[in-house]
């Protein structure tokens, strides 16, 4: 898993007057894509990708939340070489980690937020259903800003255009290690959905008969 799946974009959104404190945050992203390409030699490739990335957290205040996240990823690359050779490579990966989120309302419709999170991920590649190769083990710390649009008092969609992150990668096959800071603003578009579930408040006073 050479590149961090920075795609956790969604915010615990509500209108500006709705109190988020003491609420459960659920958010995530699911997606599927397919691309085709052909090189100068006539070799044709088809790539299919699918992701599912849910997360759950808790709002400690109206602006600060923390929680856990998890994602599953699948990628299939089929290449038809000239004249009649075919190679099929499948990749299955997963990630898990924790996040802290800070949110500020712009008005009753729009808000912004920033996520700080750490994620560990790895996976396995299979070539032609026989050869299995262990994927890189990757640890990533990232900052992900996003713009949100409130749909209802407890749900919203968000748009993230990139992030700044630090990764440490270890290849278990050749023992190679790499690390460094990266950013992908303008290269990554992530659309997410979120939902807030307010918890019942405990009574602080008992009425006298």
N, C-alpha and C. Protein backbone atom coordinates (compact mmCIF):
# COMPACT_ATOMS: atom_id res chain seq x y z
N UNK A 1 0.86 -1.16 0.00
CA UNK A 1 0.00 0.00 0.00
C UNK A 1 0.90 1.21 0.00
N UNK A 2 1.34 1.62 -1.20
CA UNK A 2 2.38 2.61 -1.31
C UNK A 2 1.89 4.00 -1.04
N UNK A 3 0.64 4.21 -1.22
CA UNK A 3 0.15 5.57 -1.00
C UNK A 3 -1.00 5.56 -0.03
N UNK A 4 -0.95 6.51 0.85
CA UNK A 4 -1.97 6.57 1.90
C UNK A 4 -3.31 6.91 1.30
N UNK A 5 -4.31 6.18 1.73
CA UNK A 5 -5.67 6.47 1.27
C UNK A 5 -6.21 7.58 2.15
N UNK A 6 -6.04 8.78 1.63
CA UNK A 6 -6.37 9.93 2.44
C UNK A 6 -7.79 10.33 2.11
N UNK A 7 -8.53 9.62 2.29
CA UNK A 7 -9.82 9.96 1.84
C UNK A 7 -10.87 9.97 2.84
N UNK A 8 -10.55 10.21 4.02
CA UNK A 8 -11.56 10.25 5.03
C UNK A 8 -12.04 11.68 5.10
N UNK A 9 -13.08 11.96 4.45
CA UNK A 9 -13.56 13.31 4.41
C UNK A 9 -15.01 13.31 4.80
N UNK A 10 -15.44 13.98 5.76
CA UNK A 10 -16.80 14.15 6.20
C UNK A 10 -16.73 14.80 7.53
N UNK A 11 -17.72 15.48 7.93
CA UNK A 11 -17.64 16.16 9.20
C UNK A 11 -18.90 15.96 9.96
N UNK A 12 -18.76 16.02 11.22
CA UNK A 12 -19.92 15.91 12.05
C UNK A 12 -20.68 17.19 11.96
N UNK A 13 -21.52 17.28 11.05
CA UNK A 13 -22.08 18.57 10.76
C UNK A 13 -23.47 18.70 11.24
N UNK A 14 -23.82 19.90 11.49
CA UNK A 14 -25.10 20.26 12.00
C UNK A 14 -25.25 21.71 11.63
N UNK A 15 -26.37 22.30 11.90
CA UNK A 15 -26.47 23.73 11.66
C UNK A 15 -25.69 24.46 12.74
N UNK A 16 -25.50 25.76 12.53
CA UNK A 16 -24.69 26.51 13.46
C UNK A 16 -25.27 26.55 14.86
N UNK A 17 -26.57 26.33 14.99
CA UNK A 17 -27.19 26.44 16.31
C UNK A 17 -27.32 25.09 16.99
N UNK A 18 -26.96 24.01 16.33
CA UNK A 18 -27.12 22.68 16.91
C UNK A 18 -25.89 22.32 17.73
N UNK A 19 -26.08 21.86 18.95
CA UNK A 19 -24.96 21.52 19.83
C UNK A 19 -24.46 20.11 19.52
N UNK A 20 -23.18 19.99 19.21
CA UNK A 20 -22.61 18.69 18.86
C UNK A 20 -22.05 17.96 20.07
N UNK A 21 -21.79 18.68 21.14
CA UNK A 21 -21.22 18.07 22.34
C UNK A 21 -22.10 16.91 22.80
N UNK A 22 -21.44 15.81 23.24
CA UNK A 22 -22.15 14.62 23.71
C UNK A 22 -22.92 13.93 22.59
N UNK A 23 -22.30 13.95 21.37
CA UNK A 23 -22.89 13.27 20.22
C UNK A 23 -21.93 12.24 19.66
N UNK A 24 -22.49 11.20 19.05
CA UNK A 24 -21.70 10.20 18.34
C UNK A 24 -21.57 10.63 16.88
N UNK A 25 -20.36 10.56 16.36
CA UNK A 25 -20.08 10.92 14.98
C UNK A 25 -19.85 9.66 14.14
N UNK A 26 -20.61 9.52 13.08
CA UNK A 26 -20.38 8.46 12.09
C UNK A 26 -20.12 9.12 10.75
N UNK A 27 -19.04 8.72 10.10
CA UNK A 27 -18.77 9.27 8.77
C UNK A 27 -17.99 8.25 7.96
N UNK A 28 -17.82 8.55 6.70
CA UNK A 28 -17.07 7.63 5.88
C UNK A 28 -17.22 7.89 4.40
N UNK A 29 -16.63 6.99 3.62
CA UNK A 29 -16.63 7.12 2.18
C UNK A 29 -16.61 5.75 1.54
N UNK A 30 -17.32 5.62 0.46
CA UNK A 30 -17.28 4.40 -0.33
C UNK A 30 -17.18 4.80 -1.80
N UNK A 31 -16.41 4.08 -2.56
CA UNK A 31 -16.25 4.46 -3.96
C UNK A 31 -15.78 3.32 -4.83
N UNK A 32 -16.01 3.47 -6.11
CA UNK A 32 -15.55 2.49 -7.10
C UNK A 32 -15.19 3.23 -8.37
N UNK A 33 -14.14 2.80 -9.04
CA UNK A 33 -13.71 3.45 -10.27
C UNK A 33 -13.11 2.42 -11.22
N UNK A 34 -13.12 2.74 -12.50
CA UNK A 34 -12.55 1.86 -13.51
C UNK A 34 -11.91 2.70 -14.60
N UNK A 35 -10.69 2.35 -14.98
CA UNK A 35 -9.97 3.09 -16.03
C UNK A 35 -9.37 2.10 -17.04
N UNK A 36 -9.21 2.58 -18.27
CA UNK A 36 -8.60 1.79 -19.33
C UNK A 36 -7.48 2.59 -19.96
N UNK A 37 -6.42 1.89 -20.38
CA UNK A 37 -5.29 2.56 -21.01
C UNK A 37 -4.64 1.63 -22.04
N UNK A 38 -3.86 2.23 -22.93
CA UNK A 38 -3.15 1.48 -23.96
C UNK A 38 -1.81 2.15 -24.21
N UNK A 39 -0.71 1.37 -24.20
CA UNK A 39 0.60 1.97 -24.42
C UNK A 39 0.96 1.96 -25.90
N UNK A 40 2.15 2.47 -26.20
CA UNK A 40 2.58 2.60 -27.60
C UNK A 40 2.78 1.26 -28.29
N UNK A 41 2.94 0.17 -27.51
CA UNK A 41 3.14 -1.16 -28.11
C UNK A 41 1.83 -1.89 -28.36
N UNK A 42 0.73 -1.29 -27.95
CA UNK A 42 -0.57 -1.93 -28.16
C UNK A 42 -1.05 -2.75 -26.98
N UNK A 43 -0.29 -2.75 -25.87
CA UNK A 43 -0.72 -3.47 -24.68
C UNK A 43 -1.87 -2.69 -24.00
N UNK A 44 -2.94 -3.38 -23.69
CA UNK A 44 -4.12 -2.74 -23.11
C UNK A 44 -4.29 -3.15 -21.64
N UNK A 45 -4.61 -2.17 -20.81
CA UNK A 45 -4.80 -2.44 -19.38
C UNK A 45 -6.14 -1.90 -18.91
N UNK A 46 -6.75 -2.65 -17.98
CA UNK A 46 -7.99 -2.22 -17.32
C UNK A 46 -7.78 -2.29 -15.82
N UNK A 47 -8.03 -1.18 -15.14
CA UNK A 47 -7.84 -1.12 -13.69
C UNK A 47 -9.15 -0.79 -13.00
N UNK A 48 -9.49 -1.59 -11.99
CA UNK A 48 -10.71 -1.38 -11.21
C UNK A 48 -10.33 -1.22 -9.75
N UNK A 49 -10.91 -0.21 -9.10
CA UNK A 49 -10.63 0.05 -7.69
C UNK A 49 -11.93 0.22 -6.91
N UNK A 50 -11.95 -0.27 -5.67
CA UNK A 50 -13.11 -0.11 -4.80
C UNK A 50 -12.62 0.12 -3.37
N UNK A 51 -13.28 1.03 -2.66
CA UNK A 51 -12.89 1.35 -1.28
C UNK A 51 -14.12 1.49 -0.39
N UNK A 52 -13.93 1.16 0.87
CA UNK A 52 -14.95 1.34 1.89
C UNK A 52 -14.24 1.81 3.15
N UNK A 53 -14.60 3.00 3.64
CA UNK A 53 -13.86 3.58 4.76
C UNK A 53 -14.80 4.22 5.78
N UNK A 54 -15.27 3.44 6.76
CA UNK A 54 -16.11 4.00 7.82
C UNK A 54 -15.28 4.49 9.00
N UNK A 55 -15.89 5.35 9.83
CA UNK A 55 -15.22 5.84 11.05
C UNK A 55 -16.28 6.19 12.08
N UNK A 56 -15.90 6.13 13.34
CA UNK A 56 -16.79 6.47 14.43
C UNK A 56 -16.03 7.29 15.46
N UNK A 57 -16.69 8.32 16.00
CA UNK A 57 -16.04 9.17 16.99
C UNK A 57 -17.03 9.74 17.98
N UNK A 58 -16.53 10.59 18.85
CA UNK A 58 -17.35 11.21 19.89
C UNK A 58 -16.98 12.68 20.01
N UNK A 59 -18.00 13.55 20.06
CA UNK A 59 -17.78 14.98 20.20
C UNK A 59 -17.64 15.32 21.69
N UNK A 60 -16.43 15.69 22.09
CA UNK A 60 -16.19 16.08 23.47
C UNK A 60 -16.67 17.51 23.72
N UNK A 61 -16.59 18.35 22.71
CA UNK A 61 -17.14 19.70 22.75
C UNK A 61 -17.88 19.92 21.44
N UNK A 62 -18.43 21.11 21.26
CA UNK A 62 -19.12 21.40 20.00
C UNK A 62 -18.16 21.47 18.82
N UNK A 63 -16.86 21.61 19.08
CA UNK A 63 -15.89 21.77 17.99
C UNK A 63 -14.83 20.68 17.90
N UNK A 64 -14.68 19.85 18.92
CA UNK A 64 -13.60 18.85 18.95
C UNK A 64 -14.16 17.45 19.11
N UNK A 65 -13.73 16.54 18.22
CA UNK A 65 -14.13 15.13 18.28
C UNK A 65 -12.90 14.25 18.11
N UNK A 66 -13.00 13.00 18.56
CA UNK A 66 -11.92 12.02 18.40
C UNK A 66 -12.55 10.65 18.23
N UNK A 67 -11.83 9.76 17.54
CA UNK A 67 -12.39 8.43 17.33
C UNK A 67 -11.47 7.52 16.56
N UNK A 68 -12.04 6.45 16.00
CA UNK A 68 -11.31 5.41 15.29
C UNK A 68 -11.80 5.31 13.85
N UNK A 69 -10.91 4.90 12.97
CA UNK A 69 -11.27 4.74 11.57
C UNK A 69 -10.70 3.45 11.01
N UNK A 70 -11.32 3.00 9.92
CA UNK A 70 -10.92 1.73 9.30
C UNK A 70 -11.26 1.80 7.82
N UNK A 71 -10.49 1.15 6.98
CA UNK A 71 -10.80 1.13 5.55
C UNK A 71 -10.37 -0.18 4.91
N UNK A 72 -11.10 -0.58 3.90
CA UNK A 72 -10.79 -1.75 3.08
C UNK A 72 -10.65 -1.29 1.64
N UNK A 73 -9.67 -1.83 0.95
CA UNK A 73 -9.45 -1.46 -0.44
C UNK A 73 -9.20 -2.66 -1.32
N UNK A 74 -9.69 -2.57 -2.54
CA UNK A 74 -9.48 -3.65 -3.52
C UNK A 74 -9.10 -3.03 -4.86
N UNK A 75 -8.11 -3.63 -5.50
CA UNK A 75 -7.67 -3.13 -6.80
C UNK A 75 -7.36 -4.31 -7.72
N UNK A 76 -7.84 -4.25 -8.94
CA UNK A 76 -7.59 -5.30 -9.92
C UNK A 76 -7.04 -4.67 -11.19
N UNK A 77 -5.90 -5.18 -11.65
CA UNK A 77 -5.26 -4.69 -12.86
C UNK A 77 -5.12 -5.85 -13.85
N UNK A 78 -5.79 -5.72 -14.98
CA UNK A 78 -5.73 -6.75 -16.02
C UNK A 78 -5.04 -6.16 -17.25
N UNK A 79 -3.95 -6.81 -17.69
CA UNK A 79 -3.18 -6.32 -18.82
C UNK A 79 -3.15 -7.36 -19.93
N UNK A 80 -3.56 -6.95 -21.12
CA UNK A 80 -3.50 -7.81 -22.30
C UNK A 80 -2.29 -7.41 -23.14
N UNK A 81 -1.26 -8.27 -23.08
CA UNK A 81 -0.04 -7.99 -23.82
C UNK A 81 -0.14 -8.53 -25.24
N UNK A 82 0.53 -7.82 -26.15
CA UNK A 82 0.61 -8.26 -27.54
C UNK A 82 1.67 -9.34 -27.64
N UNK A 83 1.46 -10.55 -28.30
CA UNK A 83 0.22 -10.80 -29.06
C UNK A 83 -0.92 -11.41 -28.23
N UNK A 84 -0.66 -12.39 -27.31
CA UNK A 84 -1.76 -13.07 -26.65
C UNK A 84 -1.47 -13.44 -25.21
N UNK A 85 -0.82 -12.58 -24.48
CA UNK A 85 -0.49 -12.85 -23.09
C UNK A 85 -1.35 -11.96 -22.19
N UNK A 86 -1.85 -12.55 -21.09
CA UNK A 86 -2.71 -11.81 -20.17
C UNK A 86 -2.18 -11.96 -18.74
N UNK A 87 -2.09 -10.86 -18.04
CA UNK A 87 -1.68 -10.86 -16.63
C UNK A 87 -2.75 -10.17 -15.80
N UNK A 88 -3.14 -10.84 -14.71
CA UNK A 88 -4.16 -10.28 -13.81
C UNK A 88 -3.55 -10.16 -12.42
N UNK A 89 -3.55 -8.95 -11.88
CA UNK A 89 -3.00 -8.71 -10.54
C UNK A 89 -4.10 -8.14 -9.65
N UNK A 90 -4.32 -8.75 -8.48
CA UNK A 90 -5.31 -8.28 -7.51
C UNK A 90 -4.57 -7.78 -6.26
N UNK A 91 -5.09 -6.70 -5.69
CA UNK A 91 -4.53 -6.18 -4.44
C UNK A 91 -5.66 -5.99 -3.44
N UNK A 92 -5.46 -6.53 -2.23
CA UNK A 92 -6.42 -6.35 -1.14
C UNK A 92 -5.67 -5.74 0.03
N UNK A 93 -6.17 -4.61 0.51
CA UNK A 93 -5.49 -3.93 1.60
C UNK A 93 -6.45 -3.43 2.66
N UNK A 94 -5.89 -3.05 3.79
CA UNK A 94 -6.70 -2.50 4.87
C UNK A 94 -5.90 -1.44 5.61
N UNK A 95 -6.60 -0.56 6.31
CA UNK A 95 -5.99 0.46 7.15
C UNK A 95 -6.81 0.62 8.42
N UNK A 96 -6.15 0.97 9.50
CA UNK A 96 -6.88 1.31 10.72
C UNK A 96 -6.07 2.35 11.50
N UNK A 97 -6.77 3.16 12.29
CA UNK A 97 -6.07 4.19 13.04
C UNK A 97 -7.02 5.02 13.88
N UNK A 98 -6.58 6.21 14.25
CA UNK A 98 -7.36 7.10 15.11
C UNK A 98 -7.27 8.53 14.57
N UNK A 99 -8.25 9.35 14.94
CA UNK A 99 -8.28 10.72 14.45
C UNK A 99 -8.74 11.69 15.53
N UNK A 100 -8.36 12.96 15.35
CA UNK A 100 -8.87 14.07 16.13
C UNK A 100 -9.37 15.11 15.14
N UNK A 101 -10.54 15.67 15.38
CA UNK A 101 -11.16 16.59 14.43
C UNK A 101 -11.52 17.91 15.11
N UNK A 102 -11.22 19.00 14.40
CA UNK A 102 -11.63 20.32 14.87
C UNK A 102 -12.52 20.96 13.81
N UNK A 103 -13.67 21.47 14.24
CA UNK A 103 -14.66 22.00 13.31
C UNK A 103 -15.07 23.41 13.69
N UNK A 104 -15.29 24.26 12.65
CA UNK A 104 -15.80 25.61 12.87
C UNK A 104 -16.91 25.89 11.85
N UNK A 105 -18.03 26.41 12.33
CA UNK A 105 -19.14 26.77 11.45
C UNK A 105 -18.87 28.12 10.80
N UNK A 106 -19.15 28.22 9.51
CA UNK A 106 -19.06 29.50 8.80
C UNK A 106 -20.39 30.24 8.92
N UNK A 107 -21.45 29.49 8.66
CA UNK A 107 -22.81 29.98 8.86
C UNK A 107 -23.70 28.75 9.03
N UNK A 108 -25.01 28.90 8.90
CA UNK A 108 -25.90 27.76 9.11
C UNK A 108 -25.80 26.71 8.02
N UNK A 109 -25.20 27.06 6.89
CA UNK A 109 -25.11 26.12 5.77
C UNK A 109 -23.72 25.51 5.63
N UNK A 110 -22.67 26.32 5.76
CA UNK A 110 -21.32 25.85 5.51
C UNK A 110 -20.49 25.77 6.79
N UNK A 111 -19.51 24.89 6.77
CA UNK A 111 -18.55 24.79 7.87
C UNK A 111 -17.23 24.26 7.31
N UNK A 112 -16.18 24.40 8.09
CA UNK A 112 -14.88 23.83 7.73
C UNK A 112 -14.40 22.96 8.87
N UNK A 113 -13.54 22.00 8.55
CA UNK A 113 -12.96 21.18 9.59
C UNK A 113 -11.57 20.73 9.18
N UNK A 114 -10.80 20.27 10.15
CA UNK A 114 -9.47 19.71 9.87
C UNK A 114 -9.31 18.46 10.71
N UNK A 115 -8.84 17.39 10.08
CA UNK A 115 -8.56 16.13 10.75
C UNK A 115 -7.06 15.95 10.93
N UNK A 116 -6.67 15.52 12.11
CA UNK A 116 -5.31 15.05 12.36
C UNK A 116 -5.42 13.59 12.73
N UNK A 117 -4.80 12.71 11.95
CA UNK A 117 -4.96 11.30 12.23
C UNK A 117 -3.72 10.49 11.90
N UNK A 118 -3.61 9.34 12.55
CA UNK A 118 -2.54 8.40 12.29
C UNK A 118 -3.13 7.07 11.84
N UNK A 119 -2.55 6.48 10.80
CA UNK A 119 -3.10 5.26 10.20
C UNK A 119 -1.99 4.27 9.87
N UNK A 120 -2.24 3.01 10.16
CA UNK A 120 -1.36 1.92 9.74
C UNK A 120 -2.07 1.11 8.68
N UNK A 121 -1.36 0.75 7.60
CA UNK A 121 -1.99 -0.02 6.54
C UNK A 121 -1.03 -0.98 5.87
N UNK A 122 -1.58 -2.04 5.32
CA UNK A 122 -0.81 -3.01 4.55
C UNK A 122 -1.78 -3.83 3.70
N UNK A 123 -1.27 -4.79 2.96
CA UNK A 123 -2.12 -5.60 2.11
C UNK A 123 -1.34 -6.70 1.41
N UNK A 124 -2.00 -7.38 0.48
CA UNK A 124 -1.39 -8.49 -0.25
C UNK A 124 -1.80 -8.45 -1.72
N UNK A 125 -0.83 -8.66 -2.61
CA UNK A 125 -1.09 -8.72 -4.05
C UNK A 125 -1.05 -10.18 -4.51
N UNK A 126 -1.93 -10.52 -5.43
CA UNK A 126 -1.95 -11.86 -6.03
C UNK A 126 -1.88 -11.72 -7.54
N UNK A 127 -0.93 -12.42 -8.16
CA UNK A 127 -0.74 -12.34 -9.61
C UNK A 127 -1.16 -13.66 -10.25
N UNK A 128 -2.10 -13.58 -11.18
CA UNK A 128 -2.62 -14.75 -11.91
C UNK A 128 -3.09 -15.86 -10.97
N UNK A 129 -3.65 -15.46 -9.82
CA UNK A 129 -4.25 -16.39 -8.85
C UNK A 129 -3.26 -17.36 -8.23
N UNK A 130 -1.96 -17.12 -8.42
CA UNK A 130 -0.98 -18.07 -7.88
C UNK A 130 0.08 -17.38 -7.03
N UNK A 131 0.74 -16.38 -7.56
CA UNK A 131 1.85 -15.72 -6.88
C UNK A 131 1.32 -14.66 -5.93
N UNK A 132 1.63 -14.78 -4.63
CA UNK A 132 1.20 -13.81 -3.63
C UNK A 132 2.40 -12.99 -3.15
N UNK A 133 2.21 -11.68 -3.10
CA UNK A 133 3.27 -10.77 -2.70
C UNK A 133 2.75 -9.88 -1.58
N UNK A 134 3.49 -9.79 -0.48
CA UNK A 134 3.09 -8.93 0.62
C UNK A 134 3.31 -7.47 0.25
N UNK A 135 2.34 -6.64 0.56
CA UNK A 135 2.45 -5.22 0.26
C UNK A 135 3.24 -4.47 1.31
N UNK A 136 3.57 -3.22 1.01
CA UNK A 136 4.31 -2.39 1.94
C UNK A 136 3.51 -2.18 3.23
N UNK A 137 4.23 -2.07 4.33
CA UNK A 137 3.62 -1.69 5.60
C UNK A 137 3.83 -0.20 5.76
N UNK A 138 2.72 0.54 5.88
CA UNK A 138 2.78 1.99 5.84
C UNK A 138 2.14 2.59 7.09
N UNK A 139 2.86 3.51 7.71
CA UNK A 139 2.30 4.30 8.81
C UNK A 139 2.26 5.75 8.36
N UNK A 140 1.11 6.40 8.50
CA UNK A 140 0.93 7.75 8.00
C UNK A 140 0.32 8.65 9.07
N UNK A 141 0.86 9.85 9.18
CA UNK A 141 0.26 10.91 10.00
C UNK A 141 -0.11 12.03 9.04
N UNK A 142 -1.38 12.47 9.09
CA UNK A 142 -1.85 13.42 8.08
C UNK A 142 -2.73 14.50 8.68
N UNK A 143 -2.78 15.63 7.98
CA UNK A 143 -3.72 16.71 8.26
C UNK A 143 -4.59 16.88 7.03
N UNK A 144 -5.90 16.77 7.22
CA UNK A 144 -6.84 16.81 6.11
C UNK A 144 -7.89 17.89 6.35
N UNK A 145 -7.82 19.02 5.66
CA UNK A 145 -8.87 20.03 5.77
C UNK A 145 -10.00 19.74 4.78
N UNK A 146 -11.20 20.24 5.09
CA UNK A 146 -12.34 20.01 4.21
C UNK A 146 -13.40 21.08 4.41
N UNK A 147 -14.23 21.24 3.39
CA UNK A 147 -15.38 22.13 3.44
C UNK A 147 -16.64 21.29 3.51
N UNK A 148 -17.56 21.63 4.41
CA UNK A 148 -18.79 20.87 4.58
C UNK A 148 -20.03 21.68 4.25
N UNK A 149 -21.08 20.97 3.83
CA UNK A 149 -22.37 21.57 3.55
C UNK A 149 -23.43 20.81 4.35
N UNK A 150 -24.14 21.50 5.20
CA UNK A 150 -25.17 20.89 6.01
C UNK A 150 -26.39 20.51 5.16
N UNK A 151 -26.86 19.28 5.33
CA UNK A 151 -28.08 18.83 4.66
C UNK A 151 -29.26 18.96 5.61
N UNK A 152 -29.08 18.46 6.82
CA UNK A 152 -30.07 18.59 7.88
C UNK A 152 -29.35 19.04 9.13
N UNK A 153 -30.04 19.10 10.26
CA UNK A 153 -29.42 19.49 11.52
C UNK A 153 -28.40 18.46 12.00
N UNK A 154 -28.44 17.24 11.48
CA UNK A 154 -27.53 16.20 11.96
C UNK A 154 -26.78 15.47 10.85
N UNK A 155 -26.82 15.95 9.62
CA UNK A 155 -26.12 15.26 8.54
C UNK A 155 -25.55 16.28 7.55
N UNK A 156 -24.51 15.86 6.84
CA UNK A 156 -23.85 16.77 5.90
C UNK A 156 -23.01 15.99 4.91
N UNK A 157 -22.63 16.67 3.83
CA UNK A 157 -21.64 16.16 2.90
C UNK A 157 -20.42 17.06 2.98
N UNK A 158 -19.25 16.52 2.66
CA UNK A 158 -18.03 17.30 2.74
C UNK A 158 -17.18 17.10 1.50
N UNK A 159 -16.33 18.05 1.24
CA UNK A 159 -15.46 18.03 0.07
C UNK A 159 -14.04 18.33 0.52
N UNK A 160 -13.13 17.39 0.26
CA UNK A 160 -11.71 17.56 0.59
C UNK A 160 -10.91 17.59 -0.71
N UNK A 161 -9.97 18.51 -0.81
CA UNK A 161 -9.19 18.67 -2.03
C UNK A 161 -7.73 18.24 -1.88
N UNK A 162 -7.39 17.66 -0.75
CA UNK A 162 -6.02 17.21 -0.57
C UNK A 162 -5.61 17.25 0.89
N UNK A 163 -4.34 16.94 1.14
CA UNK A 163 -3.85 16.85 2.51
C UNK A 163 -2.33 17.00 2.54
N UNK A 164 -1.82 17.17 3.76
CA UNK A 164 -0.39 17.15 4.02
C UNK A 164 -0.13 15.97 4.94
N UNK A 165 0.82 15.12 4.61
CA UNK A 165 1.03 13.92 5.41
C UNK A 165 2.48 13.46 5.40
N UNK A 166 2.82 12.71 6.44
CA UNK A 166 4.14 12.11 6.59
C UNK A 166 3.97 10.59 6.60
N UNK A 167 4.74 9.90 5.80
CA UNK A 167 4.62 8.44 5.71
C UNK A 167 5.96 7.76 5.99
N UNK A 168 5.85 6.58 6.59
CA UNK A 168 6.99 5.67 6.76
C UNK A 168 6.58 4.33 6.16
N UNK A 169 7.32 3.89 5.15
CA UNK A 169 6.99 2.66 4.43
C UNK A 169 8.09 1.62 4.60
N UNK A 170 7.66 0.37 4.75
CA UNK A 170 8.60 -0.75 4.87
C UNK A 170 8.15 -1.88 3.96
N UNK A 171 9.03 -2.27 3.05
CA UNK A 171 8.73 -3.37 2.14
C UNK A 171 9.24 -4.67 2.76
N UNK A 172 8.32 -5.61 3.13
CA UNK A 172 8.77 -6.84 3.80
C UNK A 172 9.50 -7.81 2.87
N UNK A 173 9.44 -7.57 1.56
CA UNK A 173 10.08 -8.48 0.60
C UNK A 173 11.56 -8.14 0.46
N UNK A 174 11.86 -6.89 0.09
CA UNK A 174 13.27 -6.51 -0.10
C UNK A 174 13.85 -5.72 1.07
N UNK A 175 13.04 -5.55 2.15
CA UNK A 175 13.46 -4.87 3.38
C UNK A 175 13.75 -3.38 3.18
N UNK A 176 13.32 -2.82 2.07
CA UNK A 176 13.56 -1.41 1.82
C UNK A 176 12.66 -0.53 2.70
N UNK A 177 13.19 0.63 3.15
CA UNK A 177 12.44 1.55 3.98
C UNK A 177 12.52 2.95 3.39
N UNK A 178 11.41 3.63 3.34
CA UNK A 178 11.36 4.99 2.86
C UNK A 178 10.46 5.82 3.78
N UNK A 179 10.69 7.13 3.79
CA UNK A 179 9.86 8.02 4.59
C UNK A 179 9.96 9.42 4.03
N UNK A 180 9.01 10.26 4.40
CA UNK A 180 9.07 11.65 3.95
C UNK A 180 7.73 12.34 4.00
N UNK A 181 7.76 13.68 3.89
CA UNK A 181 6.55 14.49 3.85
C UNK A 181 6.04 14.58 2.42
N UNK A 182 4.73 14.61 2.29
CA UNK A 182 4.11 14.73 0.98
C UNK A 182 2.86 15.58 1.09
N UNK A 183 2.38 16.05 -0.06
CA UNK A 183 1.10 16.73 -0.11
C UNK A 183 0.46 16.44 -1.46
N UNK A 184 -0.86 16.45 -1.48
CA UNK A 184 -1.56 16.13 -2.72
C UNK A 184 -2.71 17.11 -2.98
N UNK A 185 -2.54 18.36 -2.61
CA UNK A 185 -3.56 19.36 -2.89
C UNK A 185 -3.71 19.53 -4.40
N UNK A 186 -4.94 19.53 -4.85
CA UNK A 186 -5.22 19.62 -6.27
C UNK A 186 -5.13 18.32 -7.01
N UNK A 187 -4.70 17.24 -6.33
CA UNK A 187 -4.56 15.94 -6.97
C UNK A 187 -5.61 14.94 -6.49
N UNK A 188 -6.18 15.21 -5.33
CA UNK A 188 -7.12 14.28 -4.73
C UNK A 188 -8.44 14.98 -4.44
N UNK A 189 -9.53 14.40 -4.92
CA UNK A 189 -10.86 14.90 -4.63
C UNK A 189 -11.62 13.83 -3.87
N UNK A 190 -12.09 14.17 -2.67
CA UNK A 190 -12.78 13.20 -1.84
C UNK A 190 -14.11 13.78 -1.37
N UNK A 191 -15.19 13.06 -1.63
CA UNK A 191 -16.52 13.48 -1.21
C UNK A 191 -17.02 12.48 -0.17
N UNK A 192 -17.46 12.98 0.97
CA UNK A 192 -17.88 12.10 2.05
C UNK A 192 -19.25 12.46 2.59
N UNK A 193 -19.76 11.61 3.46
CA UNK A 193 -21.05 11.83 4.11
C UNK A 193 -20.89 11.55 5.59
N UNK A 194 -21.61 12.30 6.44
CA UNK A 194 -21.52 12.10 7.87
C UNK A 194 -22.88 12.25 8.53
N UNK A 195 -22.97 11.67 9.73
CA UNK A 195 -24.21 11.71 10.49
C UNK A 195 -23.89 11.85 11.97
N UNK A 196 -24.65 12.71 12.66
CA UNK A 196 -24.52 12.90 14.10
C UNK A 196 -25.67 12.21 14.83
N UNK A 197 -25.36 11.58 15.96
CA UNK A 197 -26.38 10.93 16.78
C UNK A 197 -26.27 11.48 18.20
N UNK A 198 -27.06 12.52 18.53
CA UNK A 198 -27.00 13.09 19.89
C UNK A 198 -27.38 12.07 20.93
N UNK A 199 -26.63 12.04 22.03
CA UNK A 199 -26.94 11.14 23.13
C UNK A 199 -27.91 11.82 24.09
N UNK A 200 -28.68 11.03 24.80
CA UNK A 200 -29.62 11.58 25.75
C UNK A 200 -28.87 12.19 26.92
N UNK A 201 -29.33 13.35 27.33
CA UNK A 201 -28.70 14.03 28.45
C UNK A 201 -29.29 13.54 29.77
N UNK A 202 -28.43 13.43 30.76
CA UNK A 202 -28.90 13.02 32.09
C UNK A 202 -29.60 14.18 32.78
N UNK A 203 -30.60 13.89 33.55
CA UNK A 203 -31.26 14.94 34.31
C UNK A 203 -30.34 15.46 35.40
N UNK A 204 -30.33 16.78 35.53
CA UNK A 204 -29.48 17.38 36.56
C UNK A 204 -30.27 17.82 37.77
N UNK A 205 -31.59 17.73 37.68
CA UNK A 205 -32.41 18.16 38.81
C UNK A 205 -33.68 17.32 38.84
N UNK A 206 -34.21 17.14 40.03
CA UNK A 206 -35.46 16.39 40.20
C UNK A 206 -36.51 17.33 40.75
N UNK A 207 -37.63 17.36 40.07
CA UNK A 207 -38.69 18.26 40.50
C UNK A 207 -39.30 17.76 41.80
N UNK A 208 -39.61 18.69 42.68
CA UNK A 208 -40.26 18.36 43.95
C UNK A 208 -41.75 18.14 43.70
N UNK A 209 -42.35 17.18 44.39
CA UNK A 209 -43.78 16.94 44.19
C UNK A 209 -44.60 18.11 44.69
